[in-house]
C-alpha atoms as a PDB file:
ATOM      1  CA  MET A   1     109.908 106.536 102.684  1.00  0.00           C
ATOM      2  CA  LYS A   2     106.144 107.168 103.234  1.00  0.00           C
ATOM      3  CA  ILE A   3     104.044 105.630 100.352  1.00  0.00           C
ATOM      4  CA  GLN A   4     100.297 105.080 100.763  1.00  0.00           C
ATOM      5  CA  ILE A   5      98.421 102.781  98.277  1.00  0.00           C
ATOM      6  CA  ILE A   6      94.627 102.882  97.394  1.00  0.00           C
ATOM      7  CA  GLY A   7      92.255 100.960  95.085  1.00  0.00           C
ATOM      8  CA  GLY A   8      89.206  98.839  95.284  1.00  0.00           C
ATOM      9  CA  SER A   9      88.961  96.072  97.289  1.00  0.00           C
ATOM     10  CA  GLY A  10      90.900  92.764  95.979  1.00  0.00           C
ATOM     11  CA  THR A  11      93.303  94.936  93.875  1.00  0.00           C
ATOM     12  CA  GLY A  12      96.170  93.652  95.975  1.00  0.00           C
ATOM     13  CA  LYS A  13      96.789  96.915  98.179  1.00  0.00           C
ATOM     14  CA  SER A  14      97.641  94.864 101.457  1.00  0.00           C
ATOM     15  CA  THR A  15      99.708  92.418  99.648  1.00  0.00           C
ATOM     16  CA  LEU A  16     101.856  95.331  97.838  1.00  0.00           C
ATOM     17  CA  ALA A  17     102.176  97.489 100.831  1.00  0.00           C
ATOM     18  CA  LYS A  18     103.300  94.529 103.223  1.00  0.00           C
ATOM     19  CA  TYR A  19     105.917  93.354 100.508  1.00  0.00           C
ATOM     20  CA  ILE A  20     107.161  96.872 100.230  1.00  0.00           C
ATOM     21  CA  SER A  21     107.450  97.210 103.925  1.00  0.00           C
ATOM     22  CA  GLU A  22     109.512  93.865 103.934  1.00  0.00           C
ATOM     23  CA  LYS A  23     111.980  94.596 101.123  1.00  0.00           C
ATOM     24  CA  GLU A  24     112.296  98.418 102.516  1.00  0.00           C
ATOM     25  CA  LYS A  25     112.195  97.188 106.480  1.00  0.00           C
ATOM     26  CA  ILE A  26     109.842  99.930 107.014  1.00  0.00           C
ATOM     27  CA  LYS A  27     106.381  99.810 108.820  1.00  0.00           C
ATOM     28  CA  TRP A  28     103.498  98.318 107.001  1.00  0.00           C
ATOM     29  CA  ILE A  29     100.146 100.035 107.967  1.00  0.00           C
ATOM     30  CA  ASP A  30      96.992  98.373 107.055  1.00  0.00           C
ATOM     31  CA  THR A  31      94.267 100.851 107.601  1.00  0.00           C
ATOM     32  CA  ASP A  32      91.849  97.991 108.135  1.00  0.00           C
ATOM     33  CA  GLN A  33      93.417  97.594 111.655  1.00  0.00           C
ATOM     34  CA  TYR A  34      92.244 100.814 112.416  1.00  0.00           C
ATOM     35  CA  LEU A  35      88.756 100.402 111.197  1.00  0.00           C
ATOM     36  CA  TRP A  36      88.138  96.773 112.496  1.00  0.00           C
ATOM     37  CA  LYS A  37      88.301  95.631 116.160  1.00  0.00           C
ATOM     38  CA  ASP A  38      89.258  91.921 114.667  1.00  0.00           C
ATOM     39  CA  ASP A  39      89.644  89.942 111.888  1.00  0.00           C
ATOM     40  CA  THR A  40      86.154  88.968 111.578  1.00  0.00           C
ATOM     41  CA  PHE A  41      85.404  92.484 109.824  1.00  0.00           C
ATOM     42  CA  THR A  42      82.167  92.837 111.575  1.00  0.00           C
ATOM     43  CA  GLU A  43      82.423  95.365 114.190  1.00  0.00           C
ATOM     44  CA  ASN A  44      84.212  98.604 113.796  1.00  0.00           C
ATOM     45  CA  ASN A  45      86.323 100.401 116.142  1.00  0.00           C
ATOM     46  CA  PRO A  46      85.331 103.813 117.421  1.00  0.00           C
ATOM     47  CA  ILE A  47      86.710 106.708 115.801  1.00  0.00           C
ATOM     48  CA  GLU A  48      88.570 108.023 118.632  1.00  0.00           C
ATOM     49  CA  LYS A  49      90.411 104.646 119.097  1.00  0.00           C
ATOM     50  CA  ARG A  50      91.476 104.734 115.149  1.00  0.00           C
ATOM     51  CA  ILE A  51      92.851 108.381 115.676  1.00  0.00           C
ATOM     52  CA  GLU A  52      94.826 107.118 118.600  1.00  0.00           C
ATOM     53  CA  MET A  53      96.111 103.904 116.646  1.00  0.00           C
ATOM     54  CA  TYR A  54      97.004 106.257 113.903  1.00  0.00           C
ATOM     55  CA  GLN A  55      98.769 108.682 115.816  1.00  0.00           C
ATOM     56  CA  THR A  56     100.805 106.215 117.485  1.00  0.00           C
ATOM     57  CA  ASP A  57     101.978 104.738 114.280  1.00  0.00           C
ATOM     58  CA  ILE A  58     102.873 108.173 112.836  1.00  0.00           C
ATOM     59  CA  GLU A  59     104.494 109.149 115.880  1.00  0.00           C
ATOM     60  CA  THR A  60     106.566 105.781 116.185  1.00  0.00           C
ATOM     61  CA  PHE A  61     107.519 105.157 112.512  1.00  0.00           C
ATOM     62  CA  SER A  62     109.354 107.723 110.125  1.00  0.00           C
ATOM     63  CA  SER A  63     108.810 105.378 106.944  1.00  0.00           C
ATOM     64  CA  TYR A  64     105.953 103.377 106.186  1.00  0.00           C
ATOM     65  CA  ALA A  65     103.679 101.726 103.244  1.00  0.00           C
ATOM     66  CA  VAL A  66      99.962 101.944 103.873  1.00  0.00           C
ATOM     67  CA  SER A  67      97.340 100.016 102.337  1.00  0.00           C
ATOM     68  CA  GLY A  68      93.962 101.828 102.157  1.00  0.00           C
ATOM     69  CA  SER A  69      92.708 105.281 103.364  1.00  0.00           C
ATOM     70  CA  ILE A  70      91.503 106.946 106.366  1.00  0.00           C
ATOM     71  CA  ASP A  71      90.192 110.119 104.831  1.00  0.00           C
ATOM     72  CA  LEU A  72      86.492 109.868 105.452  1.00  0.00           C
ATOM     73  CA  TRP A  73      87.166 109.707 109.219  1.00  0.00           C
ATOM     74  CA  TYR A  74      90.579 111.546 109.614  1.00  0.00           C
ATOM     75  CA  PRO A  75      91.011 113.940 106.806  1.00  0.00           C
ATOM     76  CA  ASN A  76      94.420 115.051 107.409  1.00  0.00           C
ATOM     77  CA  GLY A  77      95.794 111.303 107.885  1.00  0.00           C
ATOM     78  CA  PHE A  78      98.976 110.527 105.704  1.00  0.00           C
ATOM     79  CA  GLY A  79      99.165 113.841 104.597  1.00  0.00           C
ATOM     80  CA  ASP A  80     102.858 113.887 104.589  1.00  0.00           C
ATOM     81  CA  ARG A  81     103.078 110.864 102.110  1.00  0.00           C
ATOM     82  CA  GLU A  82     105.484 111.352  99.437  1.00  0.00           C
ATOM     83  CA  LEU A  83     103.877 108.919  96.836  1.00  0.00           C
ATOM     84  CA  LEU A  84     100.178 107.895  96.336  1.00  0.00           C
ATOM     85  CA  VAL A  85      99.794 104.846  94.659  1.00  0.00           C
ATOM     86  CA  PHE A  86      96.422 103.679  93.010  1.00  0.00           C
ATOM     87  CA  LEU A  87      95.863 100.172  92.029  1.00  0.00           C
ATOM     88  CA  SER A  88      93.301  99.083  89.366  1.00  0.00           C
ATOM     89  CA  LEU A  89      92.248  95.547  88.110  1.00  0.00           C
ATOM     90  CA  ASP A  90      89.883  94.315  85.523  1.00  0.00           C
ATOM     91  CA  GLU A  91      86.585  94.037  87.268  1.00  0.00           C
ATOM     92  CA  THR A  92      86.209  90.133  86.640  1.00  0.00           C
ATOM     93  CA  ILE A  93      89.644  89.431  88.255  1.00  0.00           C
ATOM     94  CA  ARG A  94      88.767  91.570  91.017  1.00  0.00           C
ATOM     95  CA  LEU A  95      85.556  90.098  91.908  1.00  0.00           C
ATOM     96  CA  LYS A  96      87.066  86.518  91.529  1.00  0.00           C
ATOM     97  CA  ARG A  97      89.677  87.457  93.830  1.00  0.00           C
ATOM     98  CA  LEU A  98      87.365  88.606  96.579  1.00  0.00           C
ATOM     99  CA  ARG A  99      85.094  85.731  95.871  1.00  0.00           C
ATOM    100  CA  ASP A 100      87.935  83.364  96.730  1.00  0.00           C
ATOM    101  CA  ARG A 101      88.900  85.517  99.637  1.00  0.00           C
ATOM    102  CA  GLU A 102      85.428  85.128 101.221  1.00  0.00           C
ATOM    103  CA  ARG A 103      85.228  81.519 100.957  1.00  0.00           C
ATOM    104  CA  GLN A 104      88.847  81.148 102.411  1.00  0.00           C
ATOM    105  CA  ARG A 105      87.688  83.254 105.589  1.00  0.00           C
ATOM    106  CA  LYS A 106      84.512  81.191 106.108  1.00  0.00           C
ATOM    107  CA  ASN A 107      82.903  83.850 107.793  1.00  0.00           C
ATOM    108  CA  GLN A 108      79.983  82.307 109.044  1.00  0.00           C
ATOM    109  CA  ASN A 109      77.986  85.686 110.138  1.00  0.00           C
ATOM    110  CA  LYS A 110      78.035  86.613 106.258  1.00  0.00           C
ATOM    111  CA  PRO A 111      74.915  85.192 104.744  1.00  0.00           C
ATOM    112  CA  TRP A 112      75.629  83.639 101.157  1.00  0.00           C
ATOM    113  CA  TRP A 113      73.300  83.536  98.223  1.00  0.00           C
ATOM    114  CA  LYS A 114      73.414  83.187  94.511  1.00  0.00           C
ATOM    115  CA  ASP A 115      73.541  86.349  92.706  1.00  0.00           C
ATOM    116  CA  GLU A 116      72.083  87.109  88.848  1.00  0.00           C
ATOM    117  CA  ASN A 117      75.161  85.401  87.402  1.00  0.00           C
ATOM    118  CA  GLY A 118      74.662  82.172  89.572  1.00  0.00           C
ATOM    119  CA  GLU A 119      77.635  83.058  91.582  1.00  0.00           C
ATOM    120  CA  PHE A 120      77.834  82.895  95.240  1.00  0.00           C
ATOM    121  CA  THR A 121      77.751  86.458  96.998  1.00  0.00           C
ATOM    122  CA  ASN A 122      77.271  87.943 100.177  1.00  0.00           C
ATOM    123  CA  ASP A 123      76.718  91.703 101.179  1.00  0.00           C
ATOM    124  CA  PHE A 124      80.527  92.604 101.233  1.00  0.00           C
ATOM    125  CA  LEU A 125      80.729  91.203  97.475  1.00  0.00           C
ATOM    126  CA  GLU A 126      77.629  93.312  96.718  1.00  0.00           C
ATOM    127  CA  TRP A 127      79.017  96.252  98.005  1.00  0.00           C
ATOM    128  CA  CYS A 128      82.008  96.038  96.162  1.00  0.00           C
ATOM    129  CA  LYS A 129      80.615  95.445  93.104  1.00  0.00           C
ATOM    130  CA  THR A 130      79.327  99.215  93.349  1.00  0.00           C
ATOM    131  CA  TYR A 131      82.882 100.187  93.210  1.00  0.00           C
ATOM    132  CA  TYR A 132      82.573 102.071  89.852  1.00  0.00           C
ATOM    133  CA  THR A 133      79.043 102.855  89.907  1.00  0.00           C
ATOM    134  CA  ALA A 134      79.020 104.829  93.330  1.00  0.00           C
ATOM    135  CA  LYS A 135      79.188 108.480  92.668  1.00  0.00           C
ATOM    136  CA  ASN A 136      79.540 110.163  95.860  1.00  0.00           C
ATOM    137  CA  LYS A 137      83.403 110.986  97.018  1.00  0.00           C
ATOM    138  CA  SER A 138      82.068 110.448 100.453  1.00  0.00           C
ATOM    139  CA  ASP A 139      81.253 106.613  99.746  1.00  0.00           C
ATOM    140  CA  ALA A 140      84.339 104.829 101.352  1.00  0.00           C
ATOM    141  CA  GLY A 141      86.196 102.336  99.152  1.00  0.00           C
ATOM    142  CA  THR A 142      84.933 103.463  96.077  1.00  0.00           C
ATOM    143  CA  PHE A 143      86.373 104.808  92.538  1.00  0.00           C
ATOM    144  CA  ALA A 144      84.449 108.189  93.334  1.00  0.00           C
ATOM    145  CA  GLN A 145      86.364 108.312  96.725  1.00  0.00           C
ATOM    146  CA  HIS A 146      89.889 107.338  95.005  1.00  0.00           C
ATOM    147  CA  SER A 147      89.355 109.570  92.028  1.00  0.00           C
ATOM    148  CA  TYR A 148      88.858 112.454  94.717  1.00  0.00           C
ATOM    149  CA  LEU A 149      91.911 111.555  96.654  1.00  0.00           C
ATOM    150  CA  MET A 150      94.182 111.363  93.806  1.00  0.00           C
ATOM    151  CA  LYS A 151      92.577 114.958  92.544  1.00  0.00           C
ATOM    152  CA  ILE A 152      93.501 116.919  95.734  1.00  0.00           C
ATOM    153  CA  SER A 153      96.754 114.752  96.358  1.00  0.00           C
ATOM    154  CA  LYS A 154      99.663 117.150  97.401  1.00  0.00           C
ATOM    155  CA  SER A 155     102.014 114.228  96.737  1.00  0.00           C
ATOM    156  CA  PRO A 156     102.676 112.818  93.028  1.00  0.00           C
ATOM    157  CA  VAL A 157     100.204 109.912  92.224  1.00  0.00           C
ATOM    158  CA  LEU A 158     101.384 106.654  90.524  1.00  0.00           C
ATOM    159  CA  LYS A 159      98.623 104.538  88.808  1.00  0.00           C
ATOM    160  CA  LEU A 160      99.195 100.983  88.152  1.00  0.00           C
ATOM    161  CA  ASP A 161      97.395  97.642  86.883  1.00  0.00           C
ATOM    162  CA  SER A 162      97.823  95.467  89.597  1.00  0.00           C
ATOM    163  CA  SER A 163      97.494  92.202  87.552  1.00  0.00           C
ATOM    164  CA  GLN A 164     101.202  92.430  87.423  1.00  0.00           C
ATOM    165  CA  PRO A 165     103.325  90.204  89.852  1.00  0.00           C
ATOM    166  CA  VAL A 166     103.829  92.148  92.927  1.00  0.00           C
ATOM    167  CA  GLU A 167     107.899  92.249  92.313  1.00  0.00           C
ATOM    168  CA  GLU A 168     107.171  94.236  89.117  1.00  0.00           C
ATOM    169  CA  LEU A 169     104.514  96.643  90.942  1.00  0.00           C
ATOM    170  CA  TYR A 170     107.271  96.994  93.713  1.00  0.00           C
ATOM    171  CA  ASP A 171     110.128  97.626  90.933  1.00  0.00           C
ATOM    172  CA  GLU A 172     107.942 100.271  89.191  1.00  0.00           C
ATOM    173  CA  ILE A 173     107.093 102.306  92.668  1.00  0.00           C
ATOM    174  CA  ILE A 174     110.769 102.257  93.743  1.00  0.00           C
ATOM    175  CA  LYS A 175     111.886 103.619  90.282  1.00  0.00           C
ATOM    176  CA  GLU A 176     109.402 106.162  90.735  1.00  0.00           C
ATOM    177  CA  TYR A 177     110.114 106.768  94.167  1.00  0.00           C
ATOM    178  CA  LYS A 178     113.587 107.185  93.358  1.00  0.00           C
ATOM    179  CA  ARG A 179     113.030 109.552  90.579  1.00  0.00           C
ATOM    180  CA  LEU A 180     111.085 111.880  92.805  1.00  0.00           C
ATOM    181  CA  HIS A 181     113.715 111.568  95.562  1.00  0.00           C
ATOM    182  CA  PRO A 182     116.991 110.939  94.122  1.00  0.00           C
ATOM    183  CA  GLU A 183     118.876 111.634  97.223  1.00  0.00           C
ATOM    184  CA  SER A 184     117.288 108.450  98.985  1.00  0.00           C
END
C-alpha cells in the first residue's frame, strides 16, 4: 500500500496519514520531517539532506502513507504511489484549525498581530490564506500546486472533504484502494 495525501495546511493530512499507518501497520512519512530541521519550523534542511532522507525511507519501506508533497524539490518523489488523496476543507474551519494549532505551538519566533477581521495572525497564517489565490503551480502548498499534481498523477486521485471524522476518511480510502487493488 502506497498512499500520498495532499491538501492545504490544516486539512488533516498528517492526522489521516498517521491514522492509516497505525491501522495498516505501514510507515507514516511526514514530508515536513524532510523539509524542516526541527519542530520549530524555522530552518529548512538542505535539499541534499531531504533527498537522502527520502531515499532512505523509500529503500526501507515497501508500504507507506505520506502526508504532504516533495515535488518542488524532488519531482520524481512518490512516483510509485498507488493512490493520491486530496483533502479539502471549508476555509473558515481550516483557518480556525491553523490558528488554534499555532497558538498551541506557542512559537515565540513568530510575531503575532491582528488581521483585518480582528483575528490574531502571523506570517505562516497569512501565507495559508493564499492557498486558493496563489496561481503558480510552483507555489508550494497551494491549490495551484495541488491541482497540477492531481492533473499529472499517474496514480488514481481520490478527493475527500476532510470535515468528516478520520475513521470515515480512512474507510473511504481503504474502500477505494481495495477497489483499485482487489488482490490486496
